[in-house]
């Protein structure tokens, strides 16, 4: 779920013109 949220935020950022490649290519995965 957390990864999906990270990707969704990255997509929103990309639509706003931000550089979101890092968030999409290397999402932070919680160590659970």
PDB file of N, CA and C in Angstrom:
ATOM      1  N   UNK A   1       0.826  -1.194   0.000  1.00  0.00           N
ATOM      2  CA  UNK A   1       0.000   0.000   0.000  1.00  0.00           C
ATOM      3  C   UNK A   1       0.865   1.249   0.000  1.00  0.00           C
ATOM      4  N   UNK A   2       1.921   1.241   0.797  1.00  0.00           N
ATOM      5  CA  UNK A   2       2.792   2.408   0.874  1.00  0.00           C
ATOM      6  C   UNK A   2       3.450   2.719  -0.452  1.00  0.00           C
ATOM      7  N   UNK A   3       3.831   1.666  -1.174  1.00  0.00           N
ATOM      8  CA  UNK A   3       4.474   1.876  -2.474  1.00  0.00           C
ATOM      9  C   UNK A   3       3.496   2.508  -3.443  1.00  0.00           C
ATOM     10  N   UNK A   4       2.258   2.048  -3.422  1.00  0.00           N
ATOM     11  CA  UNK A   4       1.239   2.617  -4.303  1.00  0.00           C
ATOM     12  C   UNK A   4       1.039   4.097  -4.010  1.00  0.00           C
ATOM     13  N   UNK A   5       1.079   4.453  -2.730  1.00  0.00           N
ATOM     14  CA  UNK A   5       0.926   5.857  -2.349  1.00  0.00           C
ATOM     15  C   UNK A   5       2.107   6.671  -2.860  1.00  0.00           C
ATOM     16  N   UNK A   6       3.323   6.125  -2.713  1.00  0.00           N
ATOM     17  CA  UNK A   6       4.518   6.820  -3.206  1.00  0.00           C
ATOM     18  C   UNK A   6       4.407   7.065  -4.708  1.00  0.00           C
ATOM     19  N   UNK A   7       3.984   6.044  -5.454  1.00  0.00           N
ATOM     20  CA  UNK A   7       3.860   6.172  -6.908  1.00  0.00           C
ATOM     21  C   UNK A   7       2.781   7.187  -7.255  1.00  0.00           C
ATOM     22  N   UNK A   8       1.663   7.130  -6.547  1.00  0.00           N
ATOM     23  CA  UNK A   8       0.583   8.075  -6.813  1.00  0.00           C
ATOM     24  C   UNK A   8       1.043   9.508  -6.579  1.00  0.00           C
ATOM     25  N   UNK A   9       1.777   9.729  -5.496  1.00  0.00           N
ATOM     26  CA  UNK A   9       2.293  11.072  -5.214  1.00  0.00           C
ATOM     27  C   UNK A   9       3.287  11.495  -6.281  1.00  0.00           C
ATOM     28  N   UNK A  10       4.095  10.540  -6.767  1.00  0.00           N
ATOM     29  CA  UNK A  10       5.067  10.855  -7.804  1.00  0.00           C
ATOM     30  C   UNK A  10       4.358  11.246  -9.094  1.00  0.00           C
ATOM     31  N   UNK A  11       3.267  10.551  -9.414  1.00  0.00           N
ATOM     32  CA  UNK A  11       2.504  10.875 -10.621  1.00  0.00           C
ATOM     33  C   UNK A  11       1.910  12.268 -10.503  1.00  0.00           C
ATOM     34  N   UNK A  12       1.361  12.585  -9.345  1.00  0.00           N
ATOM     35  CA  UNK A  12       0.799  13.924  -9.126  1.00  0.00           C
ATOM     36  C   UNK A  12       1.893  14.969  -9.286  1.00  0.00           C
ATOM     37  N   UNK A  13       3.066  14.691  -8.715  1.00  0.00           N
ATOM     38  CA  UNK A  13       4.180  15.623  -8.838  1.00  0.00           C
ATOM     39  C   UNK A  13       4.598  15.794 -10.284  1.00  0.00           C
ATOM     40  N   UNK A  14       4.626  14.689 -11.025  1.00  0.00           N
ATOM     41  CA  UNK A  14       5.020  14.759 -12.430  1.00  0.00           C
ATOM     42  C   UNK A  14       4.019  15.602 -13.214  1.00  0.00           C
ATOM     43  N   UNK A  15       2.750  15.458 -12.907  1.00  0.00           N
ATOM     44  CA  UNK A  15       1.728  16.247 -13.592  1.00  0.00           C
ATOM     45  C   UNK A  15       1.875  17.731 -13.266  1.00  0.00           C
ATOM     46  N   UNK A  16       2.439  18.024 -12.106  1.00  0.00           N
ATOM     47  CA  UNK A  16       2.659  19.417 -11.715  1.00  0.00           C
ATOM     48  C   UNK A  16       3.974  19.948 -12.268  1.00  0.00           C
ATOM     49  N   UNK A  17       4.746  19.078 -12.927  1.00  0.00           N
ATOM     50  CA  UNK A  17       5.991  19.519 -13.533  1.00  0.00           C
ATOM     51  C   UNK A  17       7.211  19.232 -12.686  1.00  0.00           C
ATOM     52  N   UNK A  18       7.067  18.401 -11.655  1.00  0.00           N
ATOM     53  CA  UNK A  18       8.209  18.082 -10.807  1.00  0.00           C
ATOM     54  C   UNK A  18       8.931  16.852 -11.345  1.00  0.00           C
ATOM     55  N   UNK A  19      10.185  16.686 -10.939  1.00  0.00           N
ATOM     56  CA  UNK A  19      10.944  15.514 -11.341  1.00  0.00           C
ATOM     57  C   UNK A  19      10.588  14.369 -10.402  1.00  0.00           C
ATOM     58  N   UNK A  20       9.902  13.355 -10.929  1.00  0.00           N
ATOM     59  CA  UNK A  20       9.415  12.271 -10.078  1.00  0.00           C
ATOM     60  C   UNK A  20      10.044  10.933 -10.450  1.00  0.00           C
ATOM     61  N   UNK A  21      11.065  10.945 -11.293  1.00  0.00           N
ATOM     62  CA  UNK A  21      11.649   9.690 -11.759  1.00  0.00           C
ATOM     63  C   UNK A  21      12.189   8.862 -10.600  1.00  0.00           C
ATOM     64  N   UNK A  22      12.831   9.517  -9.637  1.00  0.00           N
ATOM     65  CA  UNK A  22      13.425   8.774  -8.528  1.00  0.00           C
ATOM     66  C   UNK A  22      12.351   8.076  -7.706  1.00  0.00           C
ATOM     67  N   UNK A  23      11.272   8.756  -7.436  1.00  0.00           N
ATOM     68  CA  UNK A  23      10.210   8.177  -6.615  1.00  0.00           C
ATOM     69  C   UNK A  23       9.563   6.985  -7.310  1.00  0.00           C
ATOM     70  N   UNK A  24       9.491   7.044  -8.649  1.00  0.00           N
ATOM     71  CA  UNK A  24       8.859   5.954  -9.392  1.00  0.00           C
ATOM     72  C   UNK A  24       9.815   4.785  -9.547  1.00  0.00           C
ATOM     73  N   UNK A  25      11.081   5.080  -9.837  1.00  0.00           N
ATOM     74  CA  UNK A  25      12.039   4.009 -10.108  1.00  0.00           C
ATOM     75  C   UNK A  25      12.549   3.334  -8.841  1.00  0.00           C
ATOM     76  N   UNK A  26      12.609   4.060  -7.738  1.00  0.00           N
ATOM     77  CA  UNK A  26      13.159   3.489  -6.507  1.00  0.00           C
ATOM     78  C   UNK A  26      12.293   3.866  -5.309  1.00  0.00           C
ATOM     79  N   UNK A  27      11.078   3.319  -5.256  1.00  0.00           N
ATOM     80  CA  UNK A  27      10.207   3.645  -4.122  1.00  0.00           C
ATOM     81  C   UNK A  27      10.764   3.086  -2.827  1.00  0.00           C
ATOM     82  N   UNK A  28      10.528   3.781  -1.726  1.00  0.00           N
ATOM     83  CA  UNK A  28      10.994   3.303  -0.425  1.00  0.00           C
ATOM     84  C   UNK A  28      10.052   2.210   0.061  1.00  0.00           C
ATOM     85  N   UNK A  29      10.596   1.020   0.289  1.00  0.00           N
ATOM     86  CA  UNK A  29       9.780  -0.105   0.739  1.00  0.00           C
ATOM     87  C   UNK A  29       9.993  -0.306   2.231  1.00  0.00           C
ATOM     88  N   UNK A  30       8.928  -0.253   3.007  1.00  0.00           N
ATOM     89  CA  UNK A  30       9.073  -0.455   4.453  1.00  0.00           C
ATOM     90  C   UNK A  30       9.550  -1.865   4.760  1.00  0.00           C
ATOM     91  N   UNK A  31      10.437  -1.998   5.737  1.00  0.00           N
ATOM     92  CA  UNK A  31      10.979  -3.312   6.102  1.00  0.00           C
ATOM     93  C   UNK A  31      10.044  -3.994   7.084  1.00  0.00           C
ATOM     94  N   UNK A  32       9.034  -4.654   6.546  1.00  0.00           N
ATOM     95  CA  UNK A  32       8.066  -5.348   7.406  1.00  0.00           C
ATOM     96  C   UNK A  32       8.177  -6.848   7.215  1.00  0.00           C
TER      97      UNK A  32
END
